[in-house]
Amino acid sequence: MKNKGFTFIELIMVILIVGIAVVPLIQMFTTSLKGSADTEATSIALELAQDKMEETKQLGFAATSSPSVTFASPFTAYSYQVTVGYVDQNFNNSGSPTEYKKVEVKVTHTSGTSTTLTTVVSNHS
């Protein structure tokens, strides 16, 4: 007489092997999802920083620093801070007024992801 099918021990072994193999796959999947969410937050932060930098550059040499401010809906998970300071001709920070200002825009997501853009504006006509 031939036995057809699996024994109970064979079935337990298959379940154990599949269970061991699935755990790393699930961990890899969740890690990739987290990385995807961080990438999205960084991309949005970069877009918002570019927009805020353009607004600040339009003010020209009159641009001033701002406190940390939250963006309006639908970007309330993001805040920005504009820092403006005088720099010398070598773009090193200067304690006194010069013909150059360094403008830095930092956008931060509530998850802690942040993006910073920096440029220099001059007082030359």
PDB file of N, CA and C in Angstrom:
ATOM      1  N   MET A   1       0.831  -1.163   0.000  1.00  0.00           N
ATOM      2  CA  MET A   1       0.000   0.000   0.000  1.00  0.00           C
ATOM      3  C   MET A   1       0.891   1.246   0.000  1.00  0.00           C
ATOM      4  N   LYS A   2       0.589   2.193  -0.899  1.00  0.00           N
ATOM      5  CA  LYS A   2       1.333   3.440  -1.018  1.00  0.00           C
ATOM      6  C   LYS A   2       0.656   4.524  -0.186  1.00  0.00           C
ATOM      7  N   ASN A   3       1.489   5.267   0.532  1.00  0.00           N
ATOM      8  CA  ASN A   3       0.952   6.409   1.282  1.00  0.00           C
ATOM      9  C   ASN A   3       0.978   7.633   0.384  1.00  0.00           C
ATOM     10  N   LYS A   4      -0.104   8.318   0.318  1.00  0.00           N
ATOM     11  CA  LYS A   4      -0.187   9.543  -0.458  1.00  0.00           C
ATOM     12  C   LYS A   4      -0.286  10.708   0.514  1.00  0.00           C
ATOM     13  N   GLY A   5       0.363  11.846   0.148  1.00  0.00           N
ATOM     14  CA  GLY A   5       0.292  13.037   0.979  1.00  0.00           C
ATOM     15  C   GLY A   5       1.529  13.190   1.853  1.00  0.00           C
ATOM     16  N   PHE A   6       1.443  14.162   2.757  1.00  0.00           N
ATOM     17  CA  PHE A   6       2.561  14.495   3.625  1.00  0.00           C
ATOM     18  C   PHE A   6       2.296  13.990   5.029  1.00  0.00           C
ATOM     19  N   THR A   7       3.382  13.697   5.730  1.00  0.00           N
ATOM     20  CA  THR A   7       3.231  13.345   7.143  1.00  0.00           C
ATOM     21  C   THR A   7       3.135  14.630   7.945  1.00  0.00           C
ATOM     22  N   PHE A   8       2.726  14.491   9.159  1.00  0.00           N
ATOM     23  CA  PHE A   8       2.592  15.656  10.031  1.00  0.00           C
ATOM     24  C   PHE A   8       3.944  16.342  10.239  1.00  0.00           C
ATOM     25  N   ILE A   9       5.007  15.594  10.407  1.00  0.00           N
ATOM     26  CA  ILE A   9       6.355  16.153  10.599  1.00  0.00           C
ATOM     27  C   ILE A   9       6.782  16.922   9.353  1.00  0.00           C
ATOM     28  N   GLU A  10       6.532  16.405   8.172  1.00  0.00           N
ATOM     29  CA  GLU A  10       6.883  17.107   6.932  1.00  0.00           C
ATOM     30  C   GLU A  10       6.117  18.423   6.825  1.00  0.00           C
ATOM     31  N   LEU A  11       4.872  18.409   7.199  1.00  0.00           N
ATOM     32  CA  LEU A  11       4.058  19.617   7.166  1.00  0.00           C
ATOM     33  C   LEU A  11       4.594  20.672   8.135  1.00  0.00           C
ATOM     34  N   ILE A  12       4.951  20.269   9.336  1.00  0.00           N
ATOM     35  CA  ILE A  12       5.522  21.198  10.326  1.00  0.00           C
ATOM     36  C   ILE A  12       6.838  21.775   9.805  1.00  0.00           C
ATOM     37  N   MET A  13       7.680  20.959   9.181  1.00  0.00           N
ATOM     38  CA  MET A  13       8.967  21.421   8.640  1.00  0.00           C
ATOM     39  C   MET A  13       8.758  22.458   7.534  1.00  0.00           C
ATOM     40  N   VAL A  14       7.795  22.235   6.654  1.00  0.00           N
ATOM     41  CA  VAL A  14       7.507  23.192   5.580  1.00  0.00           C
ATOM     42  C   VAL A  14       7.038  24.520   6.166  1.00  0.00           C
ATOM     43  N   ILE A  15       6.149  24.465   7.128  1.00  0.00           N
ATOM     44  CA  ILE A  15       5.657  25.687   7.775  1.00  0.00           C
ATOM     45  C   ILE A  15       6.803  26.438   8.443  1.00  0.00           C
ATOM     46  N   LEU A  16       7.691  25.731   9.110  1.00  0.00           N
ATOM     47  CA  LEU A  16       8.832  26.341   9.780  1.00  0.00           C
ATOM     48  C   LEU A  16       9.771  27.006   8.776  1.00  0.00           C
ATOM     49  N   ILE A  17      10.092  26.317   7.699  1.00  0.00           N
ATOM     50  CA  ILE A  17      11.004  26.876   6.688  1.00  0.00           C
ATOM     51  C   ILE A  17      10.385  28.093   6.012  1.00  0.00           C
ATOM     52  N   VAL A  18       9.126  28.002   5.643  1.00  0.00           N
ATOM     53  CA  VAL A  18       8.445  29.141   5.016  1.00  0.00           C
ATOM     54  C   VAL A  18       8.379  30.316   6.001  1.00  0.00           C
ATOM     55  N   GLY A  19       8.095  30.037   7.259  1.00  0.00           N
ATOM     56  CA  GLY A  19       8.033  31.089   8.278  1.00  0.00           C
ATOM     57  C   GLY A  19       9.361  31.799   8.445  1.00  0.00           C
ATOM     58  N   ILE A  20      10.453  31.042   8.441  1.00  0.00           N
ATOM     59  CA  ILE A  20      11.784  31.636   8.569  1.00  0.00           C
ATOM     60  C   ILE A  20      12.120  32.468   7.332  1.00  0.00           C
ATOM     61  N   ALA A  21      11.717  32.023   6.161  1.00  0.00           N
ATOM     62  CA  ALA A  21      12.019  32.743   4.916  1.00  0.00           C
ATOM     63  C   ALA A  21      11.184  34.007   4.757  1.00  0.00           C
ATOM     64  N   VAL A  22       9.993  34.045   5.307  1.00  0.00           N
ATOM     65  CA  VAL A  22       9.090  35.179   5.121  1.00  0.00           C
ATOM     66  C   VAL A  22       9.486  36.379   5.988  1.00  0.00           C
ATOM     67  N   VAL A  23      10.033  36.155   7.161  1.00  0.00           N
ATOM     68  CA  VAL A  23      10.365  37.248   8.078  1.00  0.00           C
ATOM     69  C   VAL A  23      11.310  38.267   7.442  1.00  0.00           C
ATOM     70  N   PRO A  24      12.445  37.856   6.834  1.00  0.00           N
ATOM     71  CA  PRO A  24      13.309  38.863   6.191  1.00  0.00           C
ATOM     72  C   PRO A  24      12.614  39.583   5.034  1.00  0.00           C
ATOM     73  N   LEU A  25      11.756  38.881   4.314  1.00  0.00           N
ATOM     74  CA  LEU A  25      11.036  39.529   3.211  1.00  0.00           C
ATOM     75  C   LEU A  25      10.106  40.621   3.726  1.00  0.00           C
ATOM     76  N   ILE A  26       9.432  40.361   4.832  1.00  0.00           N
ATOM     77  CA  ILE A  26       8.537  41.367   5.421  1.00  0.00           C
ATOM     78  C   ILE A  26       9.351  42.553   5.927  1.00  0.00           C
ATOM     79  N   GLN A  27      10.502  42.293   6.565  1.00  0.00           N
ATOM     80  CA  GLN A  27      11.351  43.380   7.043  1.00  0.00           C
ATOM     81  C   GLN A  27      11.861  44.223   5.884  1.00  0.00           C
ATOM     82  N   MET A  28      12.252  43.584   4.802  1.00  0.00           N
ATOM     83  CA  MET A  28      12.725  44.305   3.630  1.00  0.00           C
ATOM     84  C   MET A  28      11.602  45.163   3.038  1.00  0.00           C
ATOM     85  N   PHE A  29      10.408  44.638   3.002  1.00  0.00           N
ATOM     86  CA  PHE A  29       9.262  45.361   2.474  1.00  0.00           C
ATOM     87  C   PHE A  29       8.950  46.606   3.312  1.00  0.00           C
ATOM     88  N   THR A  30       8.932  46.461   4.635  1.00  0.00           N
ATOM     89  CA  THR A  30       8.632  47.615   5.497  1.00  0.00           C
ATOM     90  C   THR A  30       9.739  48.664   5.429  1.00  0.00           C
ATOM     91  N   THR A  31      10.997  48.228   5.310  1.00  0.00           N
ATOM     92  CA  THR A  31      12.102  49.177   5.171  1.00  0.00           C
ATOM     93  C   THR A  31      11.976  49.970   3.882  1.00  0.00           C
ATOM     94  N   SER A  32      11.616  49.297   2.791  1.00  0.00           N
ATOM     95  CA  SER A  32      11.472  50.010   1.519  1.00  0.00           C
ATOM     96  C   SER A  32      10.298  50.982   1.555  1.00  0.00           C
ATOM     97  N   LEU A  33       9.226  50.629   2.250  1.00  0.00           N
ATOM     98  CA  LEU A  33       8.092  51.557   2.381  1.00  0.00           C
ATOM     99  C   LEU A  33       8.492  52.803   3.166  1.00  0.00           C
ATOM    100  N   LYS A  34       9.256  52.617   4.251  1.00  0.00           N
ATOM    101  CA  LYS A  34       9.708  53.760   5.042  1.00  0.00           C
ATOM    102  C   LYS A  34      10.619  54.650   4.205  1.00  0.00           C
ATOM    103  N   GLY A  35      11.528  54.032   3.445  1.00  0.00           N
ATOM    104  CA  GLY A  35      12.408  54.802   2.573  1.00  0.00           C
ATOM    105  C   GLY A  35      11.637  55.570   1.531  1.00  0.00           C
ATOM    106  N   SER A  36      10.578  54.985   1.028  1.00  0.00           N
ATOM    107  CA  SER A  36       9.739  55.649   0.037  1.00  0.00           C
ATOM    108  C   SER A  36       9.046  56.874   0.636  1.00  0.00           C
ATOM    109  N   ALA A  37       8.553  56.746   1.854  1.00  0.00           N
ATOM    110  CA  ALA A  37       7.892  57.875   2.523  1.00  0.00           C
ATOM    111  C   ALA A  37       8.895  58.989   2.800  1.00  0.00           C
ATOM    112  N   ASP A  38      10.127  58.640   3.219  1.00  0.00           N
ATOM    113  CA  ASP A  38      11.158  59.653   3.460  1.00  0.00           C
ATOM    114  C   ASP A  38      11.527  60.371   2.169  1.00  0.00           C
ATOM    115  N   THR A  39      11.602  59.635   1.073  1.00  0.00           N
ATOM    116  CA  THR A  39      11.923  60.234  -0.219  1.00  0.00           C
ATOM    117  C   THR A  39      10.834  61.209  -0.646  1.00  0.00           C
ATOM    118  N   GLU A  40       9.590  60.838  -0.420  1.00  0.00           N
ATOM    119  CA  GLU A  40       8.483  61.730  -0.770  1.00  0.00           C
ATOM    120  C   GLU A  40       8.536  63.008   0.068  1.00  0.00           C
ATOM    121  N   ALA A  41       8.775  62.866   1.375  1.00  0.00           N
ATOM    122  CA  ALA A  41       8.858  64.037   2.255  1.00  0.00           C
ATOM    123  C   ALA A  41      10.012  64.946   1.843  1.00  0.00           C
ATOM    124  N   THR A  42      11.147  64.351   1.455  1.00  0.00           N
ATOM    125  CA  THR A  42      12.297  65.137   1.016  1.00  0.00           C
ATOM    126  C   THR A  42      11.999  65.858  -0.296  1.00  0.00           C
ATOM    127  N   SER A  43      11.333  65.187  -1.221  1.00  0.00           N
ATOM    128  CA  SER A  43      10.990  65.818  -2.502  1.00  0.00           C
ATOM    129  C   SER A  43      10.051  67.000  -2.318  1.00  0.00           C
ATOM    130  N   ILE A  44       9.049  66.831  -1.476  1.00  0.00           N
ATOM    131  CA  ILE A  44       8.112  67.925  -1.208  1.00  0.00           C
ATOM    132  C   ILE A  44       8.834  69.064  -0.503  1.00  0.00           C
ATOM    133  N   ALA A  45       9.692  68.731   0.468  1.00  0.00           N
ATOM    134  CA  ALA A  45      10.454  69.762   1.189  1.00  0.00           C
ATOM    135  C   ALA A  45      11.334  70.550   0.224  1.00  0.00           C
ATOM    136  N   LEU A  46      11.945  69.865  -0.732  1.00  0.00           N
ATOM    137  CA  LEU A  46      12.793  70.540  -1.711  1.00  0.00           C
ATOM    138  C   LEU A  46      11.982  71.503  -2.570  1.00  0.00           C
ATOM    139  N   GLU A  47      10.819  71.071  -3.030  1.00  0.00           N
ATOM    140  CA  GLU A  47       9.944  71.946  -3.826  1.00  0.00           C
ATOM    141  C   GLU A  47       9.532  73.185  -3.023  1.00  0.00           C
ATOM    142  N   LEU A  48       9.128  72.965  -1.764  1.00  0.00           N
ATOM    143  CA  LEU A  48       8.720  74.083  -0.916  1.00  0.00           C
ATOM    144  C   LEU A  48       9.888  75.028  -0.659  1.00  0.00           C
ATOM    145  N   ALA A  49      11.083  74.475  -0.446  1.00  0.00           N
ATOM    146  CA  ALA A  49      12.272  75.305  -0.205  1.00  0.00           C
ATOM    147  C   ALA A  49      12.605  76.138  -1.440  1.00  0.00           C
ATOM    148  N   GLN A  50      12.491  75.530  -2.625  1.00  0.00           N
ATOM    149  CA  GLN A  50      12.759  76.278  -3.858  1.00  0.00           C
ATOM    150  C   GLN A  50      11.774  77.431  -4.021  1.00  0.00           C
ATOM    151  N   ASP A  51      10.498  77.179  -3.746  1.00  0.00           N
ATOM    152  CA  ASP A  51       9.489  78.243  -3.846  1.00  0.00           C
ATOM    153  C   ASP A  51       9.786  79.370  -2.864  1.00  0.00           C
ATOM    154  N   LYS A  52      10.103  79.006  -1.618  1.00  0.00           N
ATOM    155  CA  LYS A  52      10.378  80.021  -0.601  1.00  0.00           C
ATOM    156  C   LYS A  52      11.659  80.789  -0.938  1.00  0.00           C
ATOM    157  N   MET A  53      12.652  80.105  -1.507  1.00  0.00           N
ATOM    158  CA  MET A  53      13.897  80.769  -1.907  1.00  0.00           C
ATOM    159  C   MET A  53      13.611  81.785  -3.012  1.00  0.00           C
ATOM    160  N   GLU A  54      12.784  81.422  -3.983  1.00  0.00           N
ATOM    161  CA  GLU A  54      12.437  82.351  -5.059  1.00  0.00           C
ATOM    162  C   GLU A  54      11.717  83.580  -4.508  1.00  0.00           C
ATOM    163  N   GLU A  55      10.794  83.364  -3.575  1.00  0.00           N
ATOM    164  CA  GLU A  55      10.112  84.501  -2.941  1.00  0.00           C
ATOM    165  C   GLU A  55      11.115  85.416  -2.252  1.00  0.00           C
ATOM    166  N   THR A  56      12.053  84.827  -1.533  1.00  0.00           N
ATOM    167  CA  THR A  56      13.049  85.605  -0.788  1.00  0.00           C
ATOM    168  C   THR A  56      13.987  86.335  -1.734  1.00  0.00           C
ATOM    169  N   LYS A  57      14.403  85.681  -2.822  1.00  0.00           N
ATOM    170  CA  LYS A  57      15.303  86.325  -3.782  1.00  0.00           C
ATOM    171  C   LYS A  57      14.630  87.508  -4.469  1.00  0.00           C
ATOM    172  N   GLN A  58      13.310  87.454  -4.651  1.00  0.00           N
ATOM    173  CA  GLN A  58      12.602  88.568  -5.269  1.00  0.00           C
ATOM    174  C   GLN A  58      12.650  89.819  -4.390  1.00  0.00           C
ATOM    175  N   LEU A  59      12.829  89.629  -3.089  1.00  0.00           N
ATOM    176  CA  LEU A  59      12.976  90.775  -2.188  1.00  0.00           C
ATOM    177  C   LEU A  59      14.335  91.439  -2.370  1.00  0.00           C
ATOM    178  N   GLY A  60      15.259  90.723  -3.005  1.00  0.00           N
ATOM    179  CA  GLY A  60      16.588  91.255  -3.270  1.00  0.00           C
ATOM    180  C   GLY A  60      17.378  91.455  -1.997  1.00  0.00           C
ATOM    181  N   PHE A  61      18.167  92.523  -1.986  1.00  0.00           N
ATOM    182  CA  PHE A  61      19.063  92.773  -0.854  1.00  0.00           C
ATOM    183  C   PHE A  61      18.296  93.152   0.406  1.00  0.00           C
ATOM    184  N   ALA A  62      17.025  93.492   0.275  1.00  0.00           N
ATOM    185  CA  ALA A  62      16.217  93.875   1.438  1.00  0.00           C
ATOM    186  C   ALA A  62      15.722  92.658   2.220  1.00  0.00           C
ATOM    187  N   ALA A  63      15.984  91.444   1.736  1.00  0.00           N
ATOM    188  CA  ALA A  63      15.496  90.227   2.401  1.00  0.00           C
ATOM    189  C   ALA A  63      16.012  90.151   3.836  1.00  0.00           C
ATOM    190  N   THR A  64      15.141  89.712   4.720  1.00  0.00           N
ATOM    191  CA  THR A  64      15.508  89.563   6.124  1.00  0.00           C
ATOM    192  C   THR A  64      15.156  88.157   6.605  1.00  0.00           C
ATOM    193  N   SER A  65      15.703  87.792   7.758  1.00  0.00           N
ATOM    194  CA  SER A  65      15.444  86.469   8.331  1.00  0.00           C
ATOM    195  C   SER A  65      14.011  86.373   8.820  1.00  0.00           C
ATOM    196  N   SER A  66      13.534  85.148   8.960  1.00  0.00           N
ATOM    197  CA  SER A  66      12.191  84.932   9.495  1.00  0.00           C
ATOM    198  C   SER A  66      12.248  83.834  10.544  1.00  0.00           C
ATOM    199  N   PRO A  67      11.321  83.867  11.486  1.00  0.00           N
ATOM    200  CA  PRO A  67      11.247  82.766  12.453  1.00  0.00           C
ATOM    201  C   PRO A  67      10.703  81.524  11.752  1.00  0.00           C
ATOM    202  N   SER A  68      10.712  80.401  12.456  1.00  0.00           N
ATOM    203  CA  SER A  68      10.158  79.175  11.892  1.00  0.00           C
ATOM    204  C   SER A  68       8.648  79.340  11.716  1.00  0.00           C
ATOM    205  N   VAL A  69       8.167  79.066  10.506  1.00  0.00           N
ATOM    206  CA  VAL A  69       6.762  79.259  10.168  1.00  0.00           C
ATOM    207  C   VAL A  69       6.245  77.984   9.513  1.00  0.00           C
ATOM    208  N   THR A  70       5.016  77.591   9.852  1.00  0.00           N
ATOM    209  CA  THR A  70       4.399  76.416   9.238  1.00  0.00           C
ATOM    210  C   THR A  70       3.718  76.814   7.936  1.00  0.00           C
ATOM    211  N   PHE A  71       3.862  75.975   6.917  1.00  0.00           N
ATOM    212  CA  PHE A  71       3.206  76.233   5.641  1.00  0.00           C
ATOM    213  C   PHE A  71       1.690  76.069   5.791  1.00  0.00           C
ATOM    214  N   ALA A  72       0.961  76.694   4.879  1.00  0.00           N
ATOM    215  CA  ALA A  72      -0.501  76.584   4.867  1.00  0.00           C
ATOM    216  C   ALA A  72      -0.910  75.217   4.327  1.00  0.00           C
ATOM    217  N   SER A  73      -2.174  74.891   4.474  1.00  0.00           N
ATOM    218  CA  SER A  73      -2.734  73.633   3.986  1.00  0.00           C
ATOM    219  C   SER A  73      -2.505  73.540   2.478  1.00  0.00           C
ATOM    220  N   PRO A  74      -2.170  72.423   1.942  1.00  0.00           N
ATOM    221  CA  PRO A  74      -2.109  71.072   2.493  1.00  0.00           C
ATOM    222  C   PRO A  74      -0.724  70.678   3.010  1.00  0.00           C
ATOM    223  N   PHE A  75       0.162  71.644   3.259  1.00  0.00           N
ATOM    224  CA  PHE A  75       1.537  71.338   3.660  1.00  0.00           C
ATOM    225  C   PHE A  75       1.806  71.684   5.120  1.00  0.00           C
ATOM    226  N   THR A  76       0.806  71.502   5.973  1.00  0.00           N
ATOM    227  CA  THR A  76       0.949  71.866   7.390  1.00  0.00           C
ATOM    228  C   THR A  76       1.943  70.975   8.131  1.00  0.00           C
ATOM    229  N   ALA A  77       2.363  69.869   7.538  1.00  0.00           N
ATOM    230  CA  ALA A  77       3.375  69.003   8.154  1.00  0.00           C
ATOM    231  C   ALA A  77       4.785  69.554   7.931  1.00  0.00           C
ATOM    232  N   TYR A  78       4.883  70.665   7.194  1.00  0.00           N
ATOM    233  CA  TYR A  78       6.177  71.264   6.878  1.00  0.00           C
ATOM    234  C   TYR A  78       6.259  72.666   7.470  1.00  0.00           C
ATOM    235  N   SER A  79       7.461  73.016   7.934  1.00  0.00           N
ATOM    236  CA  SER A  79       7.708  74.385   8.388  1.00  0.00           C
ATOM    237  C   SER A  79       8.988  74.875   7.719  1.00  0.00           C
ATOM    238  N   TYR A  80       9.156  76.192   7.697  1.00  0.00           N
ATOM    239  CA  TYR A  80      10.359  76.745   7.076  1.00  0.00           C
ATOM    240  C   TYR A  80      10.936  77.849   7.927  1.00  0.00           C
ATOM    241  N   GLN A  81      12.222  78.083   7.727  1.00  0.00           N
ATOM    242  CA  GLN A  81      12.904  79.193   8.373  1.00  0.00           C
ATOM    243  C   GLN A  81      13.864  79.795   7.357  1.00  0.00           C
ATOM    244  N   VAL A  82      13.821  81.112   7.225  1.00  0.00           N
ATOM    245  CA  VAL A  82      14.720  81.825   6.334  1.00  0.00           C
ATOM    246  C   VAL A  82      15.739  82.546   7.203  1.00  0.00           C
ATOM    247  N   THR A  83      17.021  82.320   6.916  1.00  0.00           N
ATOM    248  CA  THR A  83      18.104  82.987   7.643  1.00  0.00           C
ATOM    249  C   THR A  83      18.893  83.809   6.645  1.00  0.00           C
ATOM    250  N   VAL A  84      19.060  85.088   6.949  1.00  0.00           N
ATOM    251  CA  VAL A  84      19.794  86.004   6.081  1.00  0.00           C
ATOM    252  C   VAL A  84      20.885  86.664   6.908  1.00  0.00           C
ATOM    253  N   GLY A  85      22.099  86.646   6.388  1.00  0.00           N
ATOM    254  CA  GLY A  85      23.204  87.287   7.102  1.00  0.00           C
ATOM    255  C   GLY A  85      24.246  87.812   6.135  1.00  0.00           C
ATOM    256  N   TYR A  86      24.976  88.820   6.587  1.00  0.00           N
ATOM    257  CA  TYR A  86      26.031  89.404   5.750  1.00  0.00           C
ATOM    258  C   TYR A  86      27.216  88.445   5.630  1.00  0.00           C
ATOM    259  N   VAL A  87      27.818  88.410   4.430  1.00  0.00           N
ATOM    260  CA  VAL A  87      29.037  87.646   4.193  1.00  0.00           C
ATOM    261  C   VAL A  87      30.028  88.546   3.452  1.00  0.00           C
ATOM    262  N   ASP A  88      31.337  88.220   3.564  1.00  0.00           N
ATOM    263  CA  ASP A  88      32.341  89.002   2.845  1.00  0.00           C
ATOM    264  C   ASP A  88      32.477  88.490   1.408  1.00  0.00           C
ATOM    265  N   GLN A  89      33.446  89.036   0.660  1.00  0.00           N
ATOM    266  CA  GLN A  89      33.602  88.653  -0.743  1.00  0.00           C
ATOM    267  C   GLN A  89      34.012  87.188  -0.916  1.00  0.00           C
ATOM    268  N   ASN A  90      34.494  86.542   0.145  1.00  0.00           N
ATOM    269  CA  ASN A  90      34.832  85.116   0.098  1.00  0.00           C
ATOM    270  C   ASN A  90      33.688  84.256   0.633  1.00  0.00           C
ATOM    271  N   PHE A  91      32.559  84.895   0.890  1.00  0.00           N
ATOM    272  CA  PHE A  91      31.337  84.248   1.377  1.00  0.00           C
ATOM    273  C   PHE A  91      31.481  83.665   2.780  1.00  0.00           C
ATOM    274  N   ASN A  92      32.367  84.238   3.574  1.00  0.00           N
ATOM    275  CA  ASN A  92      32.474  83.889   4.990  1.00  0.00           C
ATOM    276  C   ASN A  92      31.568  84.821   5.777  1.00  0.00           C
ATOM    277  N   ASN A  93      30.963  84.329   6.847  1.00  0.00           N
ATOM    278  CA  ASN A  93      30.064  85.163   7.653  1.00  0.00           C
ATOM    279  C   ASN A  93      30.792  86.410   8.128  1.00  0.00           C
ATOM    280  N   SER A  94      30.070  87.523   8.098  1.00  0.00           N
ATOM    281  CA  SER A  94      30.633  88.808   8.487  1.00  0.00           C
ATOM    282  C   SER A  94      29.765  89.421   9.574  1.00  0.00           C
ATOM    283  N   GLY A  95      30.401  89.971  10.569  1.00  0.00           N
ATOM    284  CA  GLY A  95      29.650  90.596  11.655  1.00  0.00           C
ATOM    285  C   GLY A  95      29.166  91.992  11.315  1.00  0.00           C
ATOM    286  N   SER A  96      29.668  92.553  10.248  1.00  0.00           N
ATOM    287  CA  SER A  96      29.273  93.919   9.885  1.00  0.00           C
ATOM    288  C   SER A  96      28.671  93.915   8.481  1.00  0.00           C
ATOM    289  N   PRO A  97      27.906  94.961   8.159  1.00  0.00           N
ATOM    290  CA  PRO A  97      27.272  95.028   6.830  1.00  0.00           C
ATOM    291  C   PRO A  97      28.304  95.014   5.696  1.00  0.00           C
ATOM    292  N   THR A  98      27.992  94.256   4.661  1.00  0.00           N
ATOM    293  CA  THR A  98      28.823  94.178   3.452  1.00  0.00           C
ATOM    294  C   THR A  98      27.899  94.295   2.248  1.00  0.00           C
ATOM    295  N   GLU A  99      28.452  94.098   1.066  1.00  0.00           N
ATOM    296  CA  GLU A  99      27.655  94.163  -0.157  1.00  0.00           C
ATOM    297  C   GLU A  99      27.033  92.816  -0.519  1.00  0.00           C
ATOM    298  N   TYR A 100      27.223  91.796   0.345  1.00  0.00           N
ATOM    299  CA  TYR A 100      26.709  90.462   0.066  1.00  0.00           C
ATOM    300  C   TYR A 100      25.927  89.930   1.260  1.00  0.00           C
ATOM    301  N   LYS A 101      24.854  89.203   0.944  1.00  0.00           N
ATOM    302  CA  LYS A 101      24.081  88.514   1.976  1.00  0.00           C
ATOM    303  C   LYS A 101      23.907  87.048   1.580  1.00  0.00           C
ATOM    304  N   LYS A 102      24.068  86.189   2.572  1.00  0.00           N
ATOM    305  CA  LYS A 102      23.803  84.765   2.356  1.00  0.00           C
ATOM    306  C   LYS A 102      22.375  84.504   2.803  1.00  0.00           C
ATOM    307  N   VAL A 103      21.592  83.872   1.930  1.00  0.00           N
ATOM    308  CA  VAL A 103      20.205  83.536   2.229  1.00  0.00           C
ATOM    309  C   VAL A 103      20.109  82.023   2.333  1.00  0.00           C
ATOM    310  N   GLU A 104      19.598  81.555   3.456  1.00  0.00           N
ATOM    311  CA  GLU A 104      19.455  80.116   3.687  1.00  0.00           C
ATOM    312  C   GLU A 104      17.998  79.825   4.006  1.00  0.00           C
ATOM    313  N   VAL A 105      17.409  78.893   3.258  1.00  0.00           N
ATOM    314  CA  VAL A 105      16.023  78.472   3.488  1.00  0.00           C
ATOM    315  C   VAL A 105      16.052  77.013   3.926  1.00  0.00           C
ATOM    316  N   LYS A 106      15.517  76.746   5.106  1.00  0.00           N
ATOM    317  CA  LYS A 106      15.468  75.377   5.629  1.00  0.00           C
ATOM    318  C   LYS A 106      14.008  74.977   5.798  1.00  0.00           C
ATOM    319  N   VAL A 107      13.619  73.869   5.157  1.00  0.00           N
ATOM    320  CA  VAL A 107      12.268  73.330   5.259  1.00  0.00           C
ATOM    321  C   VAL A 107      12.360  72.001   6.003  1.00  0.00           C
ATOM    322  N   THR A 108      11.514  71.851   7.036  1.00  0.00           N
ATOM    323  CA  THR A 108      11.544  70.653   7.876  1.00  0.00           C
ATOM    324  C   THR A 108      10.168  70.008   7.913  1.00  0.00           C
ATOM    325  N   HIS A 109      10.144  68.673   7.779  1.00  0.00           N
ATOM    326  CA  HIS A 109       8.913  67.889   7.906  1.00  0.00           C
ATOM    327  C   HIS A 109       8.784  67.455   9.358  1.00  0.00           C
ATOM    328  N   THR A 110       7.568  67.189   9.807  1.00  0.00           N
ATOM    329  CA  THR A 110       7.349  66.780  11.195  1.00  0.00           C
ATOM    330  C   THR A 110       8.074  65.476  11.534  1.00  0.00           C
ATOM    331  N   SER A 111       8.454  64.686  10.520  1.00  0.00           N
ATOM    332  CA  SER A 111       9.193  63.449  10.762  1.00  0.00           C
ATOM    333  C   SER A 111      10.661  63.712  11.065  1.00  0.00           C
ATOM    334  N   GLY A 112      11.091  64.969  10.892  1.00  0.00           N
ATOM    335  CA  GLY A 112      12.489  65.310  11.131  1.00  0.00           C
ATOM    336  C   GLY A 112      13.296  65.472   9.858  1.00  0.00           C
ATOM    337  N   THR A 113      12.746  65.072   8.726  1.00  0.00           N
ATOM    338  CA  THR A 113      13.424  65.229   7.440  1.00  0.00           C
ATOM    339  C   THR A 113      13.506  66.711   7.113  1.00  0.00           C
ATOM    340  N   SER A 114      14.689  67.177   6.715  1.00  0.00           N
ATOM    341  CA  SER A 114      14.809  68.595   6.370  1.00  0.00           C
ATOM    342  C   SER A 114      15.658  68.768   5.120  1.00  0.00           C
ATOM    343  N   THR A 115      15.437  69.895   4.457  1.00  0.00           N
ATOM    344  CA  THR A 115      16.174  70.273   3.253  1.00  0.00           C
ATOM    345  C   THR A 115      16.585  71.734   3.394  1.00  0.00           C
ATOM    346  N   THR A 116      17.824  72.035   3.062  1.00  0.00           N
ATOM    347  CA  THR A 116      18.328  73.397   3.172  1.00  0.00           C
ATOM    348  C   THR A 116      18.877  73.856   1.828  1.00  0.00           C
ATOM    349  N   LEU A 117      18.479  75.045   1.399  1.00  0.00           N
ATOM    350  CA  LEU A 117      19.012  75.673   0.192  1.00  0.00           C
ATOM    351  C   LEU A 117      19.710  76.957   0.597  1.00  0.00           C
ATOM    352  N   THR A 118      20.833  77.254  -0.062  1.00  0.00           N
ATOM    353  CA  THR A 118      21.613  78.451   0.259  1.00  0.00           C
ATOM    354  C   THR A 118      21.973  79.180  -1.020  1.00  0.00           C
ATOM    355  N   THR A 119      21.904  80.512  -0.987  1.00  0.00           N
ATOM    356  CA  THR A 119      22.360  81.334  -2.112  1.00  0.00           C
ATOM    357  C   THR A 119      22.936  82.633  -1.555  1.00  0.00           C
ATOM    358  N   VAL A 120      23.555  83.397  -2.421  1.00  0.00           N
ATOM    359  CA  VAL A 120      24.125  84.691  -2.033  1.00  0.00           C
ATOM    360  C   VAL A 120      23.517  85.757  -2.943  1.00  0.00           C
ATOM    361  N   VAL A 121      23.097  86.875  -2.348  1.00  0.00           N
ATOM    362  CA  VAL A 121      22.607  88.018  -3.119  1.00  0.00           C
ATOM    363  C   VAL A 121      23.552  89.191  -2.875  1.00  0.00           C
ATOM    364  N   SER A 122      23.643  90.069  -3.860  1.00  0.00           N
ATOM    365  CA  SER A 122      24.553  91.199  -3.720  1.00  0.00           C
ATOM    366  C   SER A 122      23.797  92.512  -3.835  1.00  0.00           C
ATOM    367  N   ASN A 123      24.464  93.564  -3.419  1.00  0.00           N
ATOM    368  CA  ASN A 123      23.896  94.907  -3.453  1.00  0.00           C
ATOM    369  C   ASN A 123      24.356  95.645  -4.701  1.00  0.00           C
ATOM    370  N   HIS A 124      24.922  94.930  -5.658  1.00  0.00           N
ATOM    371  CA  HIS A 124      25.386  95.549  -6.893  1.00  0.00           C
ATOM    372  C   HIS A 124      24.227  95.769  -7.845  1.00  0.00           C
ATOM    373  N   SER A 125      24.253  96.880  -8.536  1.00  0.00           N
ATOM    374  CA  SER A 125      23.194  97.188  -9.497  1.00  0.00           C
ATOM    375  C   SER A 125      23.449  96.507 -10.813  1.00  0.00           C
TER     376      SER A 125
END
